C-alpha atoms as a PDB file:
ATOM      1  CA  MET A   1     -65.237-107.754 -20.548  1.00  0.00           C
ATOM      2  CA  PRO A   2     -62.856-106.412 -23.372  1.00  0.00           C
ATOM      3  CA  ARG A   3     -59.274-106.539 -22.579  1.00  0.00           C
ATOM      4  CA  VAL A   4     -58.085-103.756 -24.830  1.00  0.00           C
ATOM      5  CA  ALA A   5     -59.117-100.155 -24.999  1.00  0.00           C
ATOM      6  CA  CYS A   6     -58.586 -97.124 -27.104  1.00  0.00           C
ATOM      7  CA  ALA A   7     -56.718 -94.126 -25.980  1.00  0.00           C
ATOM      8  CA  PHE A   8     -55.783 -90.708 -27.382  1.00  0.00           C
ATOM      9  CA  TRP A   9     -51.962 -90.249 -27.691  1.00  0.00           C
ATOM     10  CA  LEU A  10     -50.121 -87.176 -28.794  1.00  0.00           C
ATOM     11  CA  SER A  11     -47.824 -88.557 -31.387  1.00  0.00           C
ATOM     12  CA  ALA A  12     -45.750 -85.551 -31.952  1.00  0.00           C
ATOM     13  CA  PRO A  13     -46.322 -81.708 -31.172  1.00  0.00           C
ATOM     14  CA  GLY A  14     -49.380 -80.734 -32.966  1.00  0.00           C
ATOM     15  CA  ARG A  15     -50.374 -84.347 -34.131  1.00  0.00           C
ATOM     16  CA  GLY A  16     -52.576 -86.977 -32.215  1.00  0.00           C
ATOM     17  CA  ALA A  17     -53.995 -90.342 -32.943  1.00  0.00           C
ATOM     18  CA  ILE A  18     -56.210 -92.985 -31.246  1.00  0.00           C
ATOM     19  CA  ARG A  19     -54.387 -96.229 -30.459  1.00  0.00           C
ATOM     20  CA  THR A  20     -55.417 -99.594 -29.260  1.00  0.00           C
ATOM     21  CA  VAL A  21     -54.005-100.472 -25.711  1.00  0.00           C
ATOM     22  CA  PRO A  22     -53.896-103.481 -23.798  1.00  0.00           C
ATOM     23  CA  LEU A  23     -56.195-103.416 -20.635  1.00  0.00           C
ATOM     24  CA  PRO A  24     -55.163-105.541 -17.693  1.00  0.00           C
ATOM     25  CA  ALA A  25     -57.576-107.384 -15.470  1.00  0.00           C
ATOM     26  CA  PRO A  26     -58.140-105.463 -12.241  1.00  0.00           C
ATOM     27  CA  GLY A  27     -56.539-106.745  -9.059  1.00  0.00           C
ATOM     28  CA  PRO A  28     -58.247-107.096  -5.623  1.00  0.00           C
ATOM     29  CA  ASP A  29     -57.812-103.442  -4.881  1.00  0.00           C
ATOM     30  CA  GLU A  30     -58.346-101.911  -8.366  1.00  0.00           C
ATOM     31  CA  VAL A  31     -61.264-100.900 -10.331  1.00  0.00           C
ATOM     32  CA  ARG A  32     -62.125-101.114 -14.123  1.00  0.00           C
ATOM     33  CA  VAL A  33     -64.016 -98.051 -15.292  1.00  0.00           C
ATOM     34  CA  ARG A  34     -65.810 -97.390 -18.521  1.00  0.00           C
ATOM     35  CA  THR A  35     -65.512 -94.005 -19.499  1.00  0.00           C
ATOM     36  CA  LEU A  36     -68.770 -91.927 -20.075  1.00  0.00           C
ATOM     37  CA  CYS A  37     -67.172 -88.547 -20.896  1.00  0.00           C
ATOM     38  CA  SER A  38     -63.837 -86.791 -20.566  1.00  0.00           C
ATOM     39  CA  GLY A  39     -63.018 -82.951 -20.601  1.00  0.00           C
ATOM     40  CA  VAL A  40     -60.300 -81.136 -22.444  1.00  0.00           C
ATOM     41  CA  SER A  41     -58.702 -78.477 -20.164  1.00  0.00           C
ATOM     42  CA  ARG A  42     -58.070 -75.951 -23.004  1.00  0.00           C
ATOM     43  CA  GLY A  43     -55.305 -74.238 -21.516  1.00  0.00           C
ATOM     44  CA  THR A  44     -53.050 -76.737 -20.221  1.00  0.00           C
ATOM     45  CA  GLU A  45     -53.963 -79.647 -22.733  1.00  0.00           C
ATOM     46  CA  THR A  46     -53.471 -77.496 -25.657  1.00  0.00           C
ATOM     47  CA  LEU A  47     -50.132 -76.216 -24.469  1.00  0.00           C
ATOM     48  CA  VAL A  48     -49.165 -79.820 -24.079  1.00  0.00           C
ATOM     49  CA  PHE A  49     -50.551 -80.386 -27.588  1.00  0.00           C
ATOM     50  CA  ARG A  50     -48.288 -77.805 -29.233  1.00  0.00           C
ATOM     51  CA  GLY A  51     -45.030 -79.174 -27.297  1.00  0.00           C
ATOM     52  CA  GLY A  52     -44.976 -75.903 -25.076  1.00  0.00           C
ATOM     53  CA  VAL A  53     -43.945 -77.598 -21.689  1.00  0.00           C
ATOM     54  CA  PRO A  54     -40.381 -76.363 -20.815  1.00  0.00           C
ATOM     55  CA  GLU A  55     -37.937 -79.233 -20.286  1.00  0.00           C
ATOM     56  CA  SER A  56     -37.320 -77.956 -16.595  1.00  0.00           C
ATOM     57  CA  GLN A  57     -41.090 -78.534 -15.906  1.00  0.00           C
ATOM     58  CA  HIS A  58     -41.314 -82.004 -17.434  1.00  0.00           C
ATOM     59  CA  GLU A  59     -41.450 -83.868 -14.258  1.00  0.00           C
ATOM     60  CA  VAL A  60     -43.554 -81.344 -12.513  1.00  0.00           C
ATOM     61  CA  MET A  61     -46.334 -81.328 -15.088  1.00  0.00           C
ATOM     62  CA  ARG A  62     -46.791 -85.127 -15.323  1.00  0.00           C
ATOM     63  CA  ALA A  63     -50.471 -85.960 -15.029  1.00  0.00           C
ATOM     64  CA  PRO A  64     -51.168 -88.846 -12.369  1.00  0.00           C
ATOM     65  CA  PHE A  65     -51.628 -91.496 -14.937  1.00  0.00           C
ATOM     66  CA  GLN A  66     -49.700 -90.011 -17.942  1.00  0.00           C
ATOM     67  CA  GLU A  67     -47.879 -92.472 -20.018  1.00  0.00           C
ATOM     68  CA  GLY A  68     -44.936 -91.508 -22.194  1.00  0.00           C
ATOM     69  CA  ASP A  69     -42.845 -88.171 -21.673  1.00  0.00           C
ATOM     70  CA  PHE A  70     -43.049 -84.553 -22.878  1.00  0.00           C
ATOM     71  CA  PRO A  71     -42.890 -83.298 -25.595  1.00  0.00           C
ATOM     72  CA  ALA A  72     -44.207 -86.779 -27.371  1.00  0.00           C
ATOM     73  CA  PRO A  73     -45.386 -89.339 -27.624  1.00  0.00           C
ATOM     74  CA  VAL A  74     -47.412 -88.919 -24.378  1.00  0.00           C
ATOM     75  CA  LYS A  75     -50.871 -89.879 -23.257  1.00  0.00           C
ATOM     76  CA  TYR A  76     -52.081 -86.866 -21.470  1.00  0.00           C
ATOM     77  CA  GLY A  77     -55.282 -85.687 -19.619  1.00  0.00           C
ATOM     78  CA  TYR A  78     -57.089 -85.423 -16.301  1.00  0.00           C
ATOM     79  CA  LEU A  79     -60.683 -84.914 -16.454  1.00  0.00           C
ATOM     80  CA  ASN A  80     -62.508 -88.284 -16.662  1.00  0.00           C
ATOM     81  CA  VAL A  81     -65.886 -89.593 -15.650  1.00  0.00           C
ATOM     82  CA  GLY A  82     -67.053 -93.113 -15.958  1.00  0.00           C
ATOM     83  CA  VAL A  83     -68.710 -95.982 -14.367  1.00  0.00           C
ATOM     84  CA  VAL A  84     -67.154 -98.767 -12.352  1.00  0.00           C
ATOM     85  CA  GLU A  85     -67.698-102.259 -14.224  1.00  0.00           C
ATOM     86  CA  GLU A  86     -65.404-104.303 -11.949  1.00  0.00           C
ATOM     87  CA  GLY A  87     -64.034-103.613  -8.538  1.00  0.00           C
ATOM     88  CA  PRO A  88     -65.050-103.777  -4.938  1.00  0.00           C
ATOM     89  CA  PRO A  89     -68.788-104.265  -4.240  1.00  0.00           C
ATOM     90  CA  ALA A  90     -69.089-100.655  -2.902  1.00  0.00           C
ATOM     91  CA  LEU A  91     -67.821 -99.073  -6.061  1.00  0.00           C
ATOM     92  CA  ARG A  92     -69.293-101.481  -8.620  1.00  0.00           C
ATOM     93  CA  GLY A  93     -71.947 -99.608 -10.761  1.00  0.00           C
ATOM     94  CA  ARG A  94     -70.769 -96.097  -9.315  1.00  0.00           C
ATOM     95  CA  THR A  95     -70.192 -93.020 -11.503  1.00  0.00           C
ATOM     96  CA  VAL A  96     -66.795 -91.943 -10.535  1.00  0.00           C
ATOM     97  CA  PHE A  97     -64.194 -89.107 -11.424  1.00  0.00           C
ATOM     98  CA  CYS A  98     -60.739 -89.944 -12.093  1.00  0.00           C
ATOM     99  CA  LEU A  99     -57.639 -88.000 -13.102  1.00  0.00           C
ATOM    100  CA  TYR A 100     -57.239 -90.182 -16.069  1.00  0.00           C
ATOM    101  CA  PRO A 101     -56.513 -89.460 -19.887  1.00  0.00           C
ATOM    102  CA  HIS A 102     -58.918 -89.661 -22.698  1.00  0.00           C
ATOM    103  CA  GLN A 103     -59.403 -93.572 -22.938  1.00  0.00           C
ATOM    104  CA  THR A 104     -62.419 -95.674 -23.398  1.00  0.00           C
ATOM    105  CA  HIS A 105     -61.631 -98.053 -20.455  1.00  0.00           C
ATOM    106  CA  TYR A 106     -59.097 -98.044 -17.709  1.00  0.00           C
ATOM    107  CA  VAL A 107     -57.818-100.012 -14.626  1.00  0.00           C
ATOM    108  CA  VAL A 108     -56.543 -97.999 -11.727  1.00  0.00           C
ATOM    109  CA  PRO A 109     -56.323 -98.432  -7.930  1.00  0.00           C
ATOM    110  CA  ALA A 110     -59.667 -98.075  -6.294  1.00  0.00           C
ATOM    111  CA  SER A 111     -58.165 -95.223  -4.063  1.00  0.00           C
ATOM    112  CA  ALA A 112     -57.658 -93.173  -7.327  1.00  0.00           C
ATOM    113  CA  VAL A 113     -61.392 -92.659  -8.015  1.00  0.00           C
ATOM    114  CA  THR A 114     -63.889 -90.423  -6.236  1.00  0.00           C
ATOM    115  CA  PRO A 115     -67.615 -91.214  -6.328  1.00  0.00           C
ATOM    116  CA  VAL A 116     -69.708 -88.728  -8.097  1.00  0.00           C
ATOM    117  CA  PRO A 117     -72.574 -87.378  -5.732  1.00  0.00           C
ATOM    118  CA  ASP A 118     -76.222 -88.324  -6.966  1.00  0.00           C
ATOM    119  CA  ALA A 119     -76.797 -84.586  -7.252  1.00  0.00           C
ATOM    120  CA  VAL A 120     -74.026 -84.077  -9.912  1.00  0.00           C
ATOM    121  CA  PRO A 121     -74.748 -85.312 -13.558  1.00  0.00           C
ATOM    122  CA  ALA A 122     -71.771 -87.187 -15.014  1.00  0.00           C
ATOM    123  CA  ALA A 123     -71.534 -84.592 -17.848  1.00  0.00           C
ATOM    124  CA  ARG A 124     -71.041 -81.844 -15.482  1.00  0.00           C
ATOM    125  CA  ALA A 125     -68.569 -83.867 -13.332  1.00  0.00           C
ATOM    126  CA  VAL A 126     -65.849 -83.552 -15.915  1.00  0.00           C
ATOM    127  CA  LEU A 127     -65.308 -80.120 -14.377  1.00  0.00           C
ATOM    128  CA  ALA A 128     -64.211 -81.478 -11.206  1.00  0.00           C
ATOM    129  CA  GLY A 129     -60.384 -81.125 -11.677  1.00  0.00           C
ATOM    130  CA  THR A 130     -61.046 -77.542 -12.570  1.00  0.00           C
ATOM    131  CA  VAL A 131     -63.103 -76.559  -9.748  1.00  0.00           C
ATOM    132  CA  GLU A 132     -60.732 -78.270  -7.464  1.00  0.00           C
ATOM    133  CA  THR A 133     -58.012 -75.906  -8.689  1.00  0.00           C
ATOM    134  CA  ALA A 134     -60.397 -72.885  -7.765  1.00  0.00           C
ATOM    135  CA  VAL A 135     -61.043 -74.581  -4.315  1.00  0.00           C
ATOM    136  CA  ASN A 136     -57.325 -74.469  -3.889  1.00  0.00           C
ATOM    137  CA  ALA A 137     -56.876 -71.054  -5.220  1.00  0.00           C
ATOM    138  CA  LEU A 138     -59.397 -69.620  -2.546  1.00  0.00           C
ATOM    139  CA  TRP A 139     -57.834 -71.572   0.090  1.00  0.00           C
ATOM    140  CA  ASP A 140     -54.505 -69.664  -0.702  1.00  0.00           C
ATOM    141  CA  ALA A 141     -56.113 -66.315  -1.230  1.00  0.00           C
ATOM    142  CA  ALA A 142     -58.426 -66.524   1.771  1.00  0.00           C
ATOM    143  CA  PRO A 143     -61.015 -63.650   0.684  1.00  0.00           C
ATOM    144  CA  LEU A 144     -62.735 -61.968   3.390  1.00  0.00           C
ATOM    145  CA  VAL A 145     -66.346 -60.739   3.875  1.00  0.00           C
ATOM    146  CA  GLY A 146     -66.836 -57.743   1.924  1.00  0.00           C
ATOM    147  CA  ASP A 147     -63.712 -57.807  -0.019  1.00  0.00           C
ATOM    148  CA  ARG A 148     -63.510 -56.353  -3.470  1.00  0.00           C
ATOM    149  CA  ILE A 149     -62.149 -58.781  -6.027  1.00  0.00           C
ATOM    150  CA  ALA A 150     -61.608 -58.955  -9.646  1.00  0.00           C
ATOM    151  CA  VAL A 151     -60.869 -62.237 -11.539  1.00  0.00           C
ATOM    152  CA  ILE A 152     -59.065 -61.548 -14.885  1.00  0.00           C
ATOM    153  CA  GLY A 153     -59.340 -64.059 -17.477  1.00  0.00           C
ATOM    154  CA  ALA A 154     -62.714 -65.921 -18.030  1.00  0.00           C
ATOM    155  CA  GLY A 155     -61.186 -69.374 -18.924  1.00  0.00           C
ATOM    156  CA  MET A 156     -62.050 -72.513 -17.153  1.00  0.00           C
ATOM    157  CA  VAL A 157     -60.075 -71.617 -14.109  1.00  0.00           C
ATOM    158  CA  GLY A 158     -60.970 -68.098 -13.998  1.00  0.00           C
ATOM    159  CA  CYS A 159     -64.752 -68.673 -14.373  1.00  0.00           C
ATOM    160  CA  SER A 160     -64.691 -71.616 -11.625  1.00  0.00           C
ATOM    161  CA  VAL A 161     -62.948 -69.066  -9.196  1.00  0.00           C
ATOM    162  CA  ALA A 162     -65.556 -66.387 -10.056  1.00  0.00           C
ATOM    163  CA  ALA A 163     -68.374 -68.950  -9.601  1.00  0.00           C
ATOM    164  CA  LEU A 164     -67.189 -69.819  -5.903  1.00  0.00           C
ATOM    165  CA  LEU A 165     -66.760 -66.177  -5.047  1.00  0.00           C
ATOM    166  CA  ALA A 166     -70.315 -65.398  -5.890  1.00  0.00           C
ATOM    167  CA  ARG A 167     -71.164 -67.648  -3.185  1.00  0.00           C
ATOM    168  CA  TYR A 168     -69.322 -65.375  -0.678  1.00  0.00           C
ATOM    169  CA  PRO A 169     -71.252 -62.966   1.568  1.00  0.00           C
ATOM    170  CA  ALA A 170     -70.880 -59.217   0.864  1.00  0.00           C
ATOM    171  CA  VAL A 171     -68.212 -59.672  -1.782  1.00  0.00           C
ATOM    172  CA  ARG A 172     -67.863 -57.620  -4.716  1.00  0.00           C
ATOM    173  CA  VAL A 173     -66.639 -59.852  -7.695  1.00  0.00           C
ATOM    174  CA  GLN A 174     -66.120 -58.860 -11.109  1.00  0.00           C
ATOM    175  CA  LEU A 175     -65.001 -61.272 -14.094  1.00  0.00           C
ATOM    176  CA  VAL A 176     -62.759 -59.458 -16.521  1.00  0.00           C
ATOM    177  CA  ASP A 177     -61.997 -60.663 -20.006  1.00  0.00           C
ATOM    178  CA  ALA A 178     -61.010 -59.069 -23.354  1.00  0.00           C
ATOM    179  CA  ASP A 179     -63.585 -61.151 -25.295  1.00  0.00           C
ATOM    180  CA  PRO A 180     -67.082 -59.406 -24.731  1.00  0.00           C
ATOM    181  CA  ALA A 181     -68.772 -62.749 -25.567  1.00  0.00           C
ATOM    182  CA  ARG A 182     -67.720 -63.902 -21.890  1.00  0.00           C
ATOM    183  CA  ALA A 183     -70.299 -61.527 -20.480  1.00  0.00           C
ATOM    184  CA  ALA A 184     -72.859 -64.303 -21.234  1.00  0.00           C
ATOM    185  CA  THR A 185     -70.971 -66.623 -19.137  1.00  0.00           C
ATOM    186  CA  ALA A 186     -70.438 -64.235 -16.201  1.00  0.00           C
ATOM    187  CA  GLU A 187     -74.226 -63.836 -16.227  1.00  0.00           C
ATOM    188  CA  ALA A 188     -74.797 -67.435 -16.068  1.00  0.00           C
ATOM    189  CA  LEU A 189     -72.461 -67.662 -13.087  1.00  0.00           C
ATOM    190  CA  GLY A 190     -74.039 -64.729 -11.264  1.00  0.00           C
ATOM    191  CA  VAL A 191     -71.230 -62.364 -11.364  1.00  0.00           C
ATOM    192  CA  ASP A 192     -70.568 -58.949 -13.137  1.00  0.00           C
ATOM    193  CA  PHE A 193     -68.458 -58.762 -16.063  1.00  0.00           C
ATOM    194  CA  ALA A 194     -66.039 -56.004 -17.586  1.00  0.00           C
ATOM    195  CA  LEU A 195     -63.726 -55.604 -20.365  1.00  0.00           C
ATOM    196  CA  PRO A 196     -60.236 -54.886 -19.081  1.00  0.00           C
ATOM    197  CA  GLY A 197     -60.290 -51.101 -19.572  1.00  0.00           C
ATOM    198  CA  ASP A 198     -63.773 -50.984 -17.753  1.00  0.00           C
ATOM    199  CA  ALA A 199     -62.951 -53.050 -14.677  1.00  0.00           C
ATOM    200  CA  ARG A 200     -63.550 -51.471 -11.309  1.00  0.00           C
ATOM    201  CA  GLY A 201     -60.049 -50.927  -9.253  1.00  0.00           C
ATOM    202  CA  ASP A 202     -59.391 -50.476  -5.436  1.00  0.00           C
ATOM    203  CA  CYS A 203     -59.399 -54.282  -5.198  1.00  0.00           C
ATOM    204  CA  ASP A 204     -58.384 -56.101  -2.248  1.00  0.00           C
ATOM    205  CA  LEU A 205     -57.409 -59.199  -4.233  1.00  0.00           C
ATOM    206  CA  VAL A 206     -57.134 -59.838  -8.102  1.00  0.00           C
ATOM    207  CA  VAL A 207     -57.006 -63.392  -9.189  1.00  0.00           C
ATOM    208  CA  HIS A 208     -55.076 -63.528 -12.455  1.00  0.00           C
ATOM    209  CA  ALA A 209     -56.005 -66.493 -15.000  1.00  0.00           C
ATOM    210  CA  SER A 210     -55.511 -65.007 -18.369  1.00  0.00           C
ATOM    211  CA  ALA A 211     -52.128 -66.308 -19.159  1.00  0.00           C
ATOM    212  CA  THR A 212     -51.289 -62.927 -20.772  1.00  0.00           C
ATOM    213  CA  GLU A 213     -48.495 -60.363 -19.932  1.00  0.00           C
ATOM    214  CA  GLU A 214     -51.295 -57.771 -20.484  1.00  0.00           C
ATOM    215  CA  GLY A 215     -53.637 -59.467 -17.996  1.00  0.00           C
ATOM    216  CA  LEU A 216     -51.216 -59.541 -15.439  1.00  0.00           C
ATOM    217  CA  ALA A 217     -50.077 -55.913 -15.785  1.00  0.00           C
ATOM    218  CA  ARG A 218     -53.872 -54.863 -15.585  1.00  0.00           C
ATOM    219  CA  ALA A 219     -54.177 -57.106 -12.329  1.00  0.00           C
ATOM    220  CA  LEU A 220     -51.508 -54.682 -10.548  1.00  0.00           C
ATOM    221  CA  GLU A 221     -53.251 -51.646 -11.813  1.00  0.00           C
ATOM    222  CA  LEU A 222     -56.507 -52.717 -10.279  1.00  0.00           C
ATOM    223  CA  LEU A 223     -55.156 -53.425  -6.594  1.00  0.00           C
ATOM    224  CA  ALA A 224     -55.609 -51.247  -3.668  1.00  0.00           C
ATOM    225  CA  PRO A 225     -52.626 -50.226  -1.590  1.00  0.00           C
ATOM    226  CA  GLU A 226     -51.155 -53.511  -0.187  1.00  0.00           C
ATOM    227  CA  GLY A 227     -53.343 -55.692  -2.260  1.00  0.00           C
ATOM    228  CA  THR A 228     -52.542 -59.155  -3.663  1.00  0.00           C
ATOM    229  CA  VAL A 229     -52.419 -60.583  -7.094  1.00  0.00           C
ATOM    230  CA  LEU A 230     -53.028 -64.387  -7.062  1.00  0.00           C
ATOM    231  CA  GLU A 231     -51.333 -65.729 -10.047  1.00  0.00           C
ATOM    232  CA  LEU A 232     -53.221 -68.917 -11.530  1.00  0.00           C
ATOM    233  CA  SER A 233     -51.828 -68.645 -15.064  1.00  0.00           C
ATOM    234  CA  TRP A 234     -49.124 -70.954 -16.305  1.00  0.00           C
ATOM    235  CA  TYR A 235     -47.148 -69.536 -19.156  1.00  0.00           C
ATOM    236  CA  GLY A 236     -45.151 -72.822 -20.163  1.00  0.00           C
ATOM    237  CA  ASP A 237     -42.226 -71.794 -22.246  1.00  0.00           C
ATOM    238  CA  ARG A 238     -43.064 -68.154 -22.599  1.00  0.00           C
ATOM    239  CA  ARG A 239     -41.219 -65.308 -20.644  1.00  0.00           C
ATOM    240  CA  VAL A 240     -43.478 -62.789 -19.272  1.00  0.00           C
ATOM    241  CA  SER A 241     -42.462 -59.032 -18.247  1.00  0.00           C
ATOM    242  CA  LEU A 242     -44.074 -57.589 -14.906  1.00  0.00           C
ATOM    243  CA  PRO A 243     -44.109 -53.759 -14.261  1.00  0.00           C
ATOM    244  CA  LEU A 244     -42.406 -53.680 -10.793  1.00  0.00           C
ATOM    245  CA  GLY A 245     -41.532 -49.887 -11.156  1.00  0.00           C
ATOM    246  CA  GLU A 246     -43.573 -46.783 -10.713  1.00  0.00           C
ATOM    247  CA  ALA A 247     -45.845 -47.399  -7.513  1.00  0.00           C
ATOM    248  CA  PHE A 248     -45.311 -51.202  -7.104  1.00  0.00           C
ATOM    249  CA  HIS A 249     -43.120 -50.713  -4.030  1.00  0.00           C
ATOM    250  CA  SER A 250     -44.707 -47.557  -2.515  1.00  0.00           C
ATOM    251  CA  ARG A 251     -48.197 -49.231  -2.579  1.00  0.00           C
ATOM    252  CA  ARG A 252     -46.685 -52.380  -1.115  1.00  0.00           C
ATOM    253  CA  LEU A 253     -48.360 -54.809  -3.508  1.00  0.00           C
ATOM    254  CA  VAL A 254     -48.053 -58.579  -3.597  1.00  0.00           C
ATOM    255  CA  VAL A 255     -47.938 -61.292  -6.274  1.00  0.00           C
ATOM    256  CA  ARG A 256     -48.315 -64.652  -5.122  1.00  0.00           C
ATOM    257  CA  SER A 257     -48.498 -67.956  -7.031  1.00  0.00           C
ATOM    258  CA  SER A 258     -50.995 -70.775  -6.649  1.00  0.00           C
ATOM    259  CA  GLN A 259     -50.843 -74.230  -8.042  1.00  0.00           C
ATOM    260  CA  VAL A 260     -53.071 -77.234  -7.656  1.00  0.00           C
ATOM    261  CA  GLY A 261     -50.220 -79.853  -7.468  1.00  0.00           C
ATOM    262  CA  ALA A 262     -50.202 -79.200  -3.643  1.00  0.00           C
ATOM    263  CA  VAL A 263     -52.888 -78.662  -1.106  1.00  0.00           C
ATOM    264  CA  SER A 264     -52.774 -75.138   0.013  1.00  0.00           C
ATOM    265  CA  PRO A 265     -50.672 -74.516   3.146  1.00  0.00           C
ATOM    266  CA  ALA A 266     -53.649 -72.930   4.706  1.00  0.00           C
ATOM    267  CA  ARG A 267     -55.428 -76.442   4.811  1.00  0.00           C
ATOM    268  CA  ARG A 268     -52.722 -78.950   4.222  1.00  0.00           C
ATOM    269  CA  ALA A 269     -52.668 -79.983   8.010  1.00  0.00           C
ATOM    270  CA  ARG A 270     -56.509 -80.840   7.858  1.00  0.00           C
ATOM    271  CA  ARG A 271     -57.494 -81.563   4.237  1.00  0.00           C
ATOM    272  CA  SER A 272     -56.082 -84.253   1.912  1.00  0.00           C
ATOM    273  CA  TYR A 273     -56.177 -84.359  -1.936  1.00  0.00           C
ATOM    274  CA  ALA A 274     -59.044 -86.622  -1.535  1.00  0.00           C
ATOM    275  CA  ASP A 275     -60.813 -84.201   0.661  1.00  0.00           C
ATOM    276  CA  ARG A 276     -60.374 -81.394  -1.789  1.00  0.00           C
ATOM    277  CA  LEU A 277     -61.447 -83.183  -4.876  1.00  0.00           C
ATOM    278  CA  ALA A 278     -64.668 -84.480  -3.060  1.00  0.00           C
ATOM    279  CA  LEU A 279     -65.482 -80.779  -2.025  1.00  0.00           C
ATOM    280  CA  ALA A 280     -64.923 -79.945  -5.610  1.00  0.00           C
ATOM    281  CA  LEU A 281     -67.643 -82.502  -6.632  1.00  0.00           C
ATOM    282  CA  GLU A 282     -69.932 -81.393  -4.116  1.00  0.00           C
ATOM    283  CA  LEU A 283     -69.837 -77.772  -5.330  1.00  0.00           C
ATOM    284  CA  LEU A 284     -70.757 -79.111  -8.728  1.00  0.00           C
ATOM    285  CA  ALA A 285     -74.302 -79.558  -7.720  1.00  0.00           C
ATOM    286  CA  ASP A 286     -74.932 -76.130  -8.792  1.00  0.00           C
ATOM    287  CA  PRO A 287     -76.150 -76.103 -12.265  1.00  0.00           C
ATOM    288  CA  ALA A 288     -74.549 -72.658 -13.031  1.00  0.00           C
ATOM    289  CA  PHE A 289     -71.253 -74.671 -13.850  1.00  0.00           C
ATOM    290  CA  ASP A 290     -72.966 -75.881 -17.072  1.00  0.00           C
ATOM    291  CA  ALA A 291     -72.088 -72.598 -18.567  1.00  0.00           C
ATOM    292  CA  LEU A 292     -68.367 -73.915 -18.541  1.00  0.00           C
ATOM    293  CA  VAL A 293     -69.128 -76.747 -21.026  1.00  0.00           C
ATOM    294  CA  THR A 294     -69.110 -74.897 -24.267  1.00  0.00           C
ATOM    295  CA  GLY A 295     -68.702 -77.716 -26.742  1.00  0.00           C
ATOM    296  CA  GLU A 296     -68.818 -81.324 -27.235  1.00  0.00           C
ATOM    297  CA  SER A 297     -67.226 -83.887 -29.573  1.00  0.00           C
ATOM    298  CA  ALA A 298     -67.065 -87.751 -30.079  1.00  0.00           C
ATOM    299  CA  PHE A 299     -64.038 -89.518 -28.903  1.00  0.00           C
ATOM    300  CA  GLU A 300     -63.120 -90.761 -32.297  1.00  0.00           C
ATOM    301  CA  ASP A 301     -62.854 -87.100 -33.351  1.00  0.00           C
ATOM    302  CA  LEU A 302     -60.328 -85.996 -30.855  1.00  0.00           C
ATOM    303  CA  PRO A 303     -57.263 -86.168 -33.443  1.00  0.00           C
ATOM    304  CA  SER A 304     -59.063 -83.487 -35.473  1.00  0.00           C
ATOM    305  CA  VAL A 305     -60.700 -81.668 -32.634  1.00  0.00           C
ATOM    306  CA  LEU A 306     -57.419 -80.770 -30.437  1.00  0.00           C
ATOM    307  CA  PRO A 307     -55.617 -78.929 -33.294  1.00  0.00           C
ATOM    308  CA  ARG A 308     -58.686 -76.760 -33.717  1.00  0.00           C
ATOM    309  CA  LEU A 309     -58.768 -76.124 -29.903  1.00  0.00           C
ATOM    310  CA  ALA A 310     -54.875 -75.387 -29.965  1.00  0.00           C
ATOM    311  CA  SER A 311     -55.297 -72.889 -32.867  1.00  0.00           C
ATOM    312  CA  GLY A 312     -58.169 -71.075 -31.406  1.00  0.00           C
ATOM    313  CA  ASP A 313     -60.351 -72.246 -34.389  1.00  0.00           C
ATOM    314  CA  LEU A 314     -62.716 -73.930 -32.004  1.00  0.00           C
ATOM    315  CA  PRO A 315     -63.178 -71.612 -29.221  1.00  0.00           C
ATOM    316  CA  ALA A 316     -63.883 -73.283 -25.844  1.00  0.00           C
ATOM    317  CA  LEU A 317     -63.898 -73.245 -22.178  1.00  0.00           C
ATOM    318  CA  CYS A 318     -64.274 -77.001 -21.406  1.00  0.00           C
ATOM    319  CA  HIS A 319     -64.712 -79.036 -24.465  1.00  0.00           C
ATOM    320  CA  ARG A 320     -66.333 -82.418 -23.425  1.00  0.00           C
ATOM    321  CA  ILE A 321     -65.605 -85.754 -25.163  1.00  0.00           C
ATOM    322  CA  ARG A 322     -68.425 -88.165 -25.264  1.00  0.00           C
ATOM    323  CA  TYR A 323     -67.921 -91.937 -25.364  1.00  0.00           C
ATOM    324  CA  ALA A 324     -70.241 -94.388 -27.245  1.00  0.00           C
ATOM    325  CA  PRO A 325     -72.182 -96.864 -25.081  1.00  0.00           C
ATOM    326  CA  PRO A 326     -71.330-100.318 -24.771  1.00  0.00           C
ATOM    327  CA  ASP A 327     -73.800-101.359 -27.490  1.00  0.00           C
ATOM    328  CA  GLY A 328     -72.265 -98.822 -29.710  1.00  0.00           C
ATOM    329  CA  SER A 329     -75.532 -96.753 -30.202  1.00  0.00           C
END
């Protein structure tokens, strides 16, 4: 077994490199994992890549197995699927998901990996972290049968929320985005699509995930009286203006945040982080989620791929990173 690995590091804002890093031997309660694929979460990771994490959020935004500190140098990422090569017999040979950065091999506590169900391909399982965010959001939002819902922002998180809402009985759900090309994604997920100006109003709930000031303002406009905007966007170091004049108070509207860093209070007493992630992986048995993986690159190309994702030159929802098999083929 090799005792070194290759990892992607952000060397400085806007510039990354692949480094060789030492790989320790696993202890009795640890596993050694060979990565099969990882995912670039375009919103958060490109914000980290450009150095946009505010100093006040440096600790809050740390990934579970992050090394280094913001803004750089830092090893960051959290969508990793691999196979256990060393570890407890019950895990050896299993395909697992881990909140680990982009690295060819790694050693973590056995409790940090979650087995991928047999019905979920490894290539789709990289979406587990994003679907987990959507699960937490819906625990926070608690939509009801027959609700009228809009999801604004057809990125990874917005699409994941819409895909889960499509399973709710008698719910009217519409995915809203300024990019008309997202209509094809909405169709693959089984939900209606609309451009912002054409979106249906009188909504009981609007889930906002566009990370734009315009999207948040439109979310308030689409609400029925006493409706709620669930804000999933993270704006990093950007200030956002919110129109709280006019009819905001008379209509008794609500803006509520949701964040995956803590299990929703609605389920915190009965569900753990592990339970939430296991549920997300079970939900990924649905092949409709394949529509969220919109590109793929080799691991060794990450230093040139991330700048293109950050600039928008390479449009993507989830961009999957593939790793060479052991024989290098």
